[in-house]
Amino acid sequence: MPNVFILWLQHRRNMGLPVLHVVFSKIQYDEAWGYNSTWLLALYQSLHEYCTLEFENVPLSPPLTFSGNVAEPSSMKVVCDLF
């Protein structure tokens, strides 16, 4: 992630401006590497403090871990190990 963009997001936050909502709607599939989960994780780690992130149509690969109480849907969490 370019440092200039991160600095701009930090500046927005410091000025009290609304948090941006960023939607990634297409993650390109590479025949040789598959989906680059390392890149996706780095992207998330770079941006999640400064904007709201949403990923659409991003396939998740096993293993997935579910936790929480089924009777209380708001307590349910899904964890996807990317490595």
Protein backbone atom coordinates (compact mmCIF):
# COMPACT_ATOMS: atom_id res chain seq x y z
CA MET A 1 0.00 0.00 0.00
CA PRO A 2 1.53 3.35 -0.99
CA ASN A 3 2.67 5.34 2.04
CA VAL A 4 1.14 8.54 0.61
CA PHE A 5 -2.34 6.99 0.73
CA ILE A 6 -1.86 5.81 4.31
CA LEU A 7 -0.61 9.27 5.30
CA TRP A 8 -3.65 10.84 3.66
CA LEU A 9 -5.97 8.51 5.60
CA GLN A 10 -4.12 9.32 8.84
CA HIS A 11 -4.46 13.04 8.10
CA ARG A 12 -8.22 12.64 7.52
CA ARG A 13 -8.57 10.83 10.85
CA ASN A 14 -6.51 13.45 12.70
CA MET A 15 -8.69 16.22 11.27
CA GLY A 16 -11.81 14.47 12.57
CA LEU A 17 -13.21 13.77 9.10
CA PRO A 18 -15.56 10.80 8.64
CA VAL A 19 -13.97 7.40 8.19
CA LEU A 20 -13.98 6.25 4.57
CA HIS A 21 -15.80 3.06 3.61
CA VAL A 22 -13.64 1.18 1.09
CA VAL A 23 -15.07 -1.75 -0.87
CA PHE A 24 -12.83 -4.19 -2.72
CA SER A 25 -15.16 -5.82 -5.20
CA LYS A 26 -12.72 -7.75 -7.33
CA ILE A 27 -9.66 -9.68 -6.24
CA GLN A 28 -7.82 -11.06 -9.25
CA TYR A 29 -7.06 -14.76 -9.39
CA ASP A 30 -3.57 -15.73 -10.54
CA GLU A 31 -3.25 -19.16 -12.17
CA ALA A 32 0.24 -19.77 -10.76
CA TRP A 33 -0.34 -18.47 -7.21
CA GLY A 34 -4.09 -18.72 -6.68
CA TYR A 35 -5.45 -15.93 -4.50
CA ASN A 36 -2.60 -14.07 -2.85
CA SER A 37 -3.69 -14.20 0.78
CA THR A 38 -0.42 -12.64 1.97
CA TRP A 39 -1.14 -9.53 -0.08
CA LEU A 40 -4.74 -9.43 1.12
CA LEU A 41 -3.66 -9.70 4.75
CA ALA A 42 -1.04 -6.95 4.30
CA LEU A 43 -3.67 -4.73 2.68
CA TYR A 44 -6.05 -5.28 5.59
CA GLN A 45 -3.32 -4.62 8.17
CA SER A 46 -2.33 -1.39 6.43
CA LEU A 47 -5.81 0.06 6.12
CA HIS A 48 -8.09 -1.26 8.87
CA GLU A 49 -7.10 1.45 11.38
CA TYR A 50 -7.97 4.28 9.01
CA CYS A 51 -11.05 3.17 7.07
CA THR A 52 -13.88 0.67 7.10
CA LEU A 53 -13.04 -2.20 4.78
CA GLU A 54 -15.45 -4.42 2.92
CA PHE A 55 -14.49 -7.30 0.67
CA GLU A 56 -17.06 -8.55 -1.85
CA ASN A 57 -16.80 -11.85 -3.69
CA VAL A 58 -13.55 -12.85 -2.02
CA PRO A 59 -13.42 -16.61 -1.70
CA LEU A 60 -12.37 -18.04 1.63
CA SER A 61 -10.38 -21.23 1.80
CA PRO A 62 -10.50 -23.79 4.59
CA PRO A 63 -9.78 -24.07 7.39
CA LEU A 64 -12.57 -21.94 8.76
CA THR A 65 -13.20 -21.87 12.50
CA PHE A 66 -16.64 -20.99 13.84
CA SER A 67 -17.12 -19.94 17.45
CA GLY A 68 -19.91 -18.54 19.57
CA ASN A 69 -23.38 -19.59 20.59
CA VAL A 70 -25.73 -20.64 17.77
CA ALA A 71 -28.69 -19.50 19.89
CA GLU A 72 -27.16 -16.00 19.93
CA PRO A 73 -26.29 -15.15 16.30
CA SER A 74 -24.59 -11.88 17.29
CA SER A 75 -22.00 -13.90 19.22
CA MET A 76 -20.98 -15.99 16.19
CA LYS A 77 -17.51 -15.40 14.74
CA VAL A 78 -15.76 -16.90 11.74
CA VAL A 79 -11.98 -17.09 11.58
CA CYS A 80 -10.19 -17.91 8.35
CA ASP A 81 -6.54 -18.88 8.63
CA LEU A 82 -4.86 -17.34 5.61
CA PHE A 83 -1.60 -19.23 5.95
